[in-house]
PDB file of all heavy atoms in Angstrom:
ATOM      1  N   ARG A   1      -4.834  -9.001   1.204  1.00  0.00           N
ATOM      2  CA  ARG A   1      -3.999  -8.554   0.085  1.00  0.00           C
ATOM      3  C   ARG A   1      -3.501  -7.132   0.316  1.00  0.00           C
ATOM      4  O   ARG A   1      -2.361  -6.802  -0.028  1.00  0.00           O
ATOM      5  CB  ARG A   1      -4.782  -8.634  -1.229  1.00  0.00           C
ATOM      6  CG  ARG A   1      -3.878  -8.504  -2.450  1.00  0.00           C
ATOM      7  CD  ARG A   1      -4.625  -8.628  -3.750  1.00  0.00           C
ATOM      8  NE  ARG A   1      -3.687  -8.796  -4.851  1.00  0.00           N
ATOM      9  CZ  ARG A   1      -4.000  -8.649  -6.130  1.00  0.00           C
ATOM     10  NH1 ARG A   1      -5.237  -8.346  -6.483  1.00  0.00           N
ATOM     11  NH2 ARG A   1      -3.084  -8.816  -7.077  1.00  0.00           N
ATOM     12  N   LEU A   2      -4.336  -6.291   0.898  1.00  0.00           N
ATOM     13  CA  LEU A   2      -3.905  -4.937   1.218  1.00  0.00           C
ATOM     14  C   LEU A   2      -2.722  -4.967   2.184  1.00  0.00           C
ATOM     15  O   LEU A   2      -1.743  -4.224   2.022  1.00  0.00           O
ATOM     16  CB  LEU A   2      -5.060  -4.138   1.832  1.00  0.00           C
ATOM     17  CG  LEU A   2      -4.715  -2.736   2.345  1.00  0.00           C
ATOM     18  CD1 LEU A   2      -4.171  -1.862   1.223  1.00  0.00           C
ATOM     19  CD2 LEU A   2      -5.933  -2.094   2.996  1.00  0.00           C
ATOM     20  N   GLY A   3      -2.808  -5.835   3.191  1.00  0.00           N
ATOM     21  CA  GLY A   3      -1.708  -5.956   4.132  1.00  0.00           C
ATOM     22  C   GLY A   3      -0.405  -6.363   3.451  1.00  0.00           C
ATOM     23  O   GLY A   3       0.673  -5.840   3.764  1.00  0.00           O
ATOM     24  N   LYS A   4      -0.507  -7.273   2.473  1.00  0.00           N
ATOM     25  CA  LYS A   4       0.683  -7.707   1.742  1.00  0.00           C
ATOM     26  C   LYS A   4       1.239  -6.580   0.878  1.00  0.00           C
ATOM     27  O   LYS A   4       2.457  -6.413   0.743  1.00  0.00           O
ATOM     28  CB  LYS A   4       0.355  -8.926   0.884  1.00  0.00           C
ATOM     29  CG  LYS A   4       0.110 -10.194   1.693  1.00  0.00           C
ATOM     30  CD  LYS A   4      -0.127 -11.384   0.787  1.00  0.00           C
ATOM     31  CE  LYS A   4      -0.371 -12.661   1.597  1.00  0.00           C
ATOM     32  NZ  LYS A   4       0.807 -13.031   2.390  1.00  0.00           N
ATOM     33  N   VAL A   5       0.335  -5.798   0.259  1.00  0.00           N
ATOM     34  CA  VAL A   5       0.783  -4.655  -0.539  1.00  0.00           C
ATOM     35  C   VAL A   5       1.598  -3.699   0.323  1.00  0.00           C
ATOM     36  O   VAL A   5       2.707  -3.278  -0.043  1.00  0.00           O
ATOM     37  CB  VAL A   5      -0.426  -3.914  -1.154  1.00  0.00           C
ATOM     38  CG1 VAL A   5      -0.001  -2.568  -1.724  1.00  0.00           C
ATOM     39  CG2 VAL A   5      -1.072  -4.757  -2.246  1.00  0.00           C
ATOM     40  N   LEU A   6       1.059  -3.356   1.493  1.00  0.00           N
ATOM     41  CA  LEU A   6       1.748  -2.401   2.356  1.00  0.00           C
ATOM     42  C   LEU A   6       3.068  -2.961   2.867  1.00  0.00           C
ATOM     43  O   LEU A   6       4.078  -2.247   2.952  1.00  0.00           O
ATOM     44  CB  LEU A   6       0.846  -2.026   3.532  1.00  0.00           C
ATOM     45  CG  LEU A   6      -0.495  -1.378   3.152  1.00  0.00           C
ATOM     46  CD1 LEU A   6      -1.270  -0.988   4.398  1.00  0.00           C
ATOM     47  CD2 LEU A   6      -0.288  -0.172   2.262  1.00  0.00           C
ATOM     48  N   GLU A   7       3.076  -4.228   3.206  1.00  0.00           N
ATOM     49  CA  GLU A   7       4.293  -4.855   3.714  1.00  0.00           C
ATOM     50  C   GLU A   7       5.395  -4.850   2.658  1.00  0.00           C
ATOM     51  O   GLU A   7       6.545  -4.475   2.931  1.00  0.00           O
ATOM     52  CB  GLU A   7       3.991  -6.290   4.145  1.00  0.00           C
ATOM     53  CG  GLU A   7       5.218  -7.052   4.650  1.00  0.00           C
ATOM     54  CD  GLU A   7       4.894  -8.500   4.945  1.00  0.00           C
ATOM     55  OE1 GLU A   7       3.729  -8.811   5.223  1.00  0.00           O
ATOM     56  OE2 GLU A   7       5.836  -9.321   4.893  1.00  0.00           O
ATOM     57  N   LEU A   8       5.056  -5.247   1.427  1.00  0.00           N
ATOM     58  CA  LEU A   8       6.063  -5.343   0.376  1.00  0.00           C
ATOM     59  C   LEU A   8       6.533  -3.966  -0.078  1.00  0.00           C
ATOM     60  O   LEU A   8       7.716  -3.772  -0.377  1.00  0.00           O
ATOM     61  CB  LEU A   8       5.506  -6.138  -0.805  1.00  0.00           C
ATOM     62  CG  LEU A   8       5.331  -7.634  -0.528  1.00  0.00           C
ATOM     63  CD1 LEU A   8       4.564  -8.302  -1.655  1.00  0.00           C
ATOM     64  CD2 LEU A   8       6.696  -8.304  -0.353  1.00  0.00           C
ATOM     65  N   VAL A   9       5.624  -3.000  -0.126  1.00  0.00           N
ATOM     66  CA  VAL A   9       6.022  -1.634  -0.486  1.00  0.00           C
ATOM     67  C   VAL A   9       6.954  -1.068   0.574  1.00  0.00           C
ATOM     68  O   VAL A   9       7.939  -0.391   0.270  1.00  0.00           O
ATOM     69  CB  VAL A   9       4.781  -0.738  -0.667  1.00  0.00           C
ATOM     70  CG1 VAL A   9       5.182   0.729  -0.779  1.00  0.00           C
ATOM     71  CG2 VAL A   9       4.004  -1.165  -1.900  1.00  0.00           C
ATOM     72  N   ASN A  10       6.673  -1.390   1.835  1.00  0.00           N
ATOM     73  CA  ASN A  10       7.532  -0.943   2.924  1.00  0.00           C
ATOM     74  C   ASN A  10       8.938  -1.522   2.789  1.00  0.00           C
ATOM     75  O   ASN A  10       9.940  -0.837   3.011  1.00  0.00           O
ATOM     76  CB  ASN A  10       6.913  -1.350   4.261  1.00  0.00           C
ATOM     77  CG  ASN A  10       7.631  -0.749   5.447  1.00  0.00           C
ATOM     78  OD1 ASN A  10       7.919   0.444   5.459  1.00  0.00           O
ATOM     79  ND2 ASN A  10       7.919  -1.564   6.444  1.00  0.00           N
ATOM     80  N   ARG A  11       9.032  -2.780   2.386  1.00  0.00           N
ATOM     81  CA  ARG A  11      10.331  -3.428   2.224  1.00  0.00           C
ATOM     82  C   ARG A  11      11.097  -2.924   1.002  1.00  0.00           C
ATOM     83  O   ARG A  11      12.310  -3.066   0.921  1.00  0.00           O
ATOM     84  CB  ARG A  11      10.133  -4.939   2.078  1.00  0.00           C
ATOM     85  CG  ARG A  11       9.689  -5.657   3.337  1.00  0.00           C
ATOM     86  CD  ARG A  11       9.571  -7.140   3.027  1.00  0.00           C
ATOM     87  NE  ARG A  11       9.053  -7.906   4.144  1.00  0.00           N
ATOM     88  CZ  ARG A  11       8.782  -9.206   4.072  1.00  0.00           C
ATOM     89  NH1 ARG A  11       8.980  -9.852   2.931  1.00  0.00           N
ATOM     90  NH2 ARG A  11       8.310  -9.850   5.120  1.00  0.00           N
ATOM     91  N   SER A  12      10.381  -2.363   0.027  1.00  0.00           N
ATOM     92  CA  SER A  12      10.997  -2.007  -1.255  1.00  0.00           C
ATOM     93  C   SER A  12      11.951  -0.825  -1.162  1.00  0.00           C
ATOM     94  O   SER A  12      12.748  -0.593  -2.065  1.00  0.00           O
ATOM     95  CB  SER A  12       9.902  -1.664  -2.269  1.00  0.00           C
ATOM     96  OG  SER A  12       9.304  -0.401  -1.967  1.00  0.00           O
ATOM     97  N   ASN A  13      11.837  -0.031  -0.092  1.00  0.00           N
ATOM     98  CA  ASN A  13      12.627   1.198   0.074  1.00  0.00           C
ATOM     99  C   ASN A  13      12.295   2.263  -0.968  1.00  0.00           C
ATOM    100  O   ASN A  13      13.080   3.191  -1.183  1.00  0.00           O
ATOM    101  CB  ASN A  13      14.130   0.893   0.043  1.00  0.00           C
ATOM    102  CG  ASN A  13      14.565   0.045   1.222  1.00  0.00           C
ATOM    103  OD1 ASN A  13      14.122   0.268   2.348  1.00  0.00           O
ATOM    104  ND2 ASN A  13      15.416  -0.945   0.968  1.00  0.00           N
ATOM    105  N   ALA A  14      11.136   2.143  -1.608  1.00  0.00           N
ATOM    106  CA  ALA A  14      10.709   3.189  -2.540  1.00  0.00           C
ATOM    107  C   ALA A  14      10.268   4.442  -1.787  1.00  0.00           C
ATOM    108  O   ALA A  14      10.294   5.543  -2.323  1.00  0.00           O
ATOM    109  CB  ALA A  14       9.562   2.680  -3.409  1.00  0.00           C
ATOM    110  N   GLU A  15       9.833   4.262  -0.533  1.00  0.00           N
ATOM    111  CA  GLU A  15       9.446   5.347   0.377  1.00  0.00           C
ATOM    112  C   GLU A  15       8.374   6.279  -0.201  1.00  0.00           C
ATOM    113  O   GLU A  15       8.548   7.497  -0.243  1.00  0.00           O
ATOM    114  CB  GLU A  15      10.670   6.159   0.789  1.00  0.00           C
ATOM    115  CG  GLU A  15      11.710   5.339   1.547  1.00  0.00           C
ATOM    116  CD  GLU A  15      12.868   6.186   2.044  1.00  0.00           C
ATOM    117  OE1 GLU A  15      13.031   7.320   1.562  1.00  0.00           O
ATOM    118  OE2 GLU A  15      13.594   5.703   2.930  1.00  0.00           O
ATOM    119  N   PRO A  16       7.252   5.734  -0.636  1.00  0.00           N
ATOM    120  CA  PRO A  16       6.186   6.610  -1.143  1.00  0.00           C
ATOM    121  C   PRO A  16       5.344   7.192  -0.013  1.00  0.00           C
ATOM    122  O   PRO A  16       5.223   6.602   1.056  1.00  0.00           O
ATOM    123  CB  PRO A  16       5.336   5.654  -1.983  1.00  0.00           C
ATOM    124  CG  PRO A  16       5.475   4.338  -1.261  1.00  0.00           C
ATOM    125  CD  PRO A  16       6.896   4.313  -0.730  1.00  0.00           C
ATOM    126  N   ASN A  17       4.752   8.373  -0.272  1.00  0.00           N
ATOM    127  CA  ASN A  17       3.626   8.802   0.527  1.00  0.00           C
ATOM    128  C   ASN A  17       2.438   7.953   0.099  1.00  0.00           C
ATOM    129  O   ASN A  17       2.389   7.467  -1.032  1.00  0.00           O
ATOM    130  CB  ASN A  17       3.329  10.284   0.317  1.00  0.00           C
ATOM    131  CG  ASN A  17       4.459  11.168   0.807  1.00  0.00           C
ATOM    132  OD1 ASN A  17       5.331  10.735   1.567  1.00  0.00           O
ATOM    133  ND2 ASN A  17       4.478  12.413   0.350  1.00  0.00           N
ATOM    134  N   LEU A  18       1.472   7.816   0.977  1.00  0.00           N
ATOM    135  CA  LEU A  18       0.452   6.797   0.746  1.00  0.00           C
ATOM    136  C   LEU A  18      -0.923   7.267   1.187  1.00  0.00           C
ATOM    137  O   LEU A  18      -1.070   7.949   2.194  1.00  0.00           O
ATOM    138  CB  LEU A  18       0.828   5.534   1.531  1.00  0.00           C
ATOM    139  CG  LEU A  18      -0.077   4.321   1.400  1.00  0.00           C
ATOM    140  CD1 LEU A  18       0.194   3.617   0.078  1.00  0.00           C
ATOM    141  CD2 LEU A  18       0.161   3.358   2.557  1.00  0.00           C
ATOM    142  N   SER A  19      -1.938   6.887   0.403  1.00  0.00           N
ATOM    143  CA  SER A  19      -3.324   7.040   0.846  1.00  0.00           C
ATOM    144  C   SER A  19      -4.112   5.827   0.366  1.00  0.00           C
ATOM    145  O   SER A  19      -3.825   5.264  -0.691  1.00  0.00           O
ATOM    146  CB  SER A  19      -3.951   8.334   0.323  1.00  0.00           C
ATOM    147  OG  SER A  19      -4.134   8.273  -1.066  1.00  0.00           O
ATOM    148  N   ILE A  20      -5.098   5.432   1.167  1.00  0.00           N
ATOM    149  CA  ILE A  20      -5.926   4.273   0.841  1.00  0.00           C
ATOM    150  C   ILE A  20      -7.389   4.692   0.893  1.00  0.00           C
ATOM    151  O   ILE A  20      -7.837   5.308   1.875  1.00  0.00           O
ATOM    152  CB  ILE A  20      -5.688   3.114   1.829  1.00  0.00           C
ATOM    153  CG1 ILE A  20      -4.210   2.719   1.850  1.00  0.00           C
ATOM    154  CG2 ILE A  20      -6.541   1.910   1.462  1.00  0.00           C
ATOM    155  CD1 ILE A  20      -3.862   1.756   2.975  1.00  0.00           C
ATOM    156  N   ASN A  21      -8.120   4.372  -0.178  1.00  0.00           N
ATOM    157  CA  ASN A  21      -9.545   4.655  -0.237  1.00  0.00           C
ATOM    158  C   ASN A  21     -10.315   3.365  -0.498  1.00  0.00           C
ATOM    159  O   ASN A  21      -9.770   2.402  -1.050  1.00  0.00           O
ATOM    160  CB  ASN A  21      -9.851   5.658  -1.356  1.00  0.00           C
ATOM    161  CG  ASN A  21      -9.167   6.986  -1.145  1.00  0.00           C
ATOM    162  OD1 ASN A  21      -9.249   7.565  -0.074  1.00  0.00           O
ATOM    163  ND2 ASN A  21      -8.479   7.469  -2.168  1.00  0.00           N
ATOM    164  N   PHE A  22     -11.584   3.381  -0.131  1.00  0.00           N
ATOM    165  CA  PHE A  22     -12.467   2.236  -0.335  1.00  0.00           C
ATOM    166  C   PHE A  22     -13.709   2.727  -1.082  1.00  0.00           C
ATOM    167  O   PHE A  22     -14.295   3.735  -0.696  1.00  0.00           O
ATOM    168  CB  PHE A  22     -12.862   1.620   1.006  1.00  0.00           C
ATOM    169  CG  PHE A  22     -11.683   1.266   1.872  1.00  0.00           C
ATOM    170  CD1 PHE A  22     -11.166   2.176   2.772  1.00  0.00           C
ATOM    171  CD2 PHE A  22     -11.073   0.027   1.761  1.00  0.00           C
ATOM    172  CE1 PHE A  22     -10.063   1.864   3.568  1.00  0.00           C
ATOM    173  CE2 PHE A  22      -9.974  -0.311   2.549  1.00  0.00           C
ATOM    174  CZ  PHE A  22      -9.473   0.617   3.449  1.00  0.00           C
ATOM    175  N   LYS A  23     -14.100   2.026  -2.147  1.00  0.00           N
ATOM    176  CA  LYS A  23     -15.187   2.552  -2.966  1.00  0.00           C
ATOM    177  C   LYS A  23     -16.072   1.447  -3.544  1.00  0.00           C
ATOM    178  O   LYS A  23     -15.763   0.255  -3.438  1.00  0.00           O
ATOM    179  CB  LYS A  23     -14.614   3.400  -4.099  1.00  0.00           C
ATOM    180  CG  LYS A  23     -13.810   2.628  -5.121  1.00  0.00           C
ATOM    181  CD  LYS A  23     -13.305   3.564  -6.221  1.00  0.00           C
ATOM    182  CE  LYS A  23     -12.639   2.803  -7.353  1.00  0.00           C
ATOM    183  NZ  LYS A  23     -12.194   3.692  -8.441  1.00  0.00           N
ATOM    184  N   LEU A  24     -17.169   1.881  -4.164  1.00  0.00           N
ATOM    185  CA  LEU A  24     -18.073   0.959  -4.845  1.00  0.00           C
ATOM    186  C   LEU A  24     -17.445   0.477  -6.145  1.00  0.00           C
ATOM    187  O   LEU A  24     -16.643   1.178  -6.757  1.00  0.00           O
ATOM    188  CB  LEU A  24     -19.396   1.658  -5.161  1.00  0.00           C
ATOM    189  CG  LEU A  24     -20.271   2.085  -3.985  1.00  0.00           C
ATOM    190  CD1 LEU A  24     -21.454   2.895  -4.503  1.00  0.00           C
ATOM    191  CD2 LEU A  24     -20.765   0.870  -3.205  1.00  0.00           C
ATOM    192  N   LYS A  25     -17.865  -0.698  -6.576  1.00  0.00           N
ATOM    193  CA  LYS A  25     -17.364  -1.239  -7.839  1.00  0.00           C
ATOM    194  C   LYS A  25     -18.267  -0.855  -9.008  1.00  0.00           C
ATOM    195  O   LYS A  25     -17.794  -0.501 -10.084  1.00  0.00           O
ATOM    196  CB  LYS A  25     -17.278  -2.767  -7.738  1.00  0.00           C
ATOM    197  CG  LYS A  25     -16.612  -3.435  -8.921  1.00  0.00           C
ATOM    198  CD  LYS A  25     -16.404  -4.921  -8.658  1.00  0.00           C
ATOM    199  CE  LYS A  25     -15.551  -5.565  -9.732  1.00  0.00           C
ATOM    200  NZ  LYS A  25     -15.272  -6.998  -9.429  1.00  0.00           N
TER     201      LYS A  25
END
């Protein structure tokens, strides 16, 4: 799902800066 998020955001041309974190629930 993360891969799909990045792929679709890349296609959107919104051009955001990006950071990804991983944490406990």
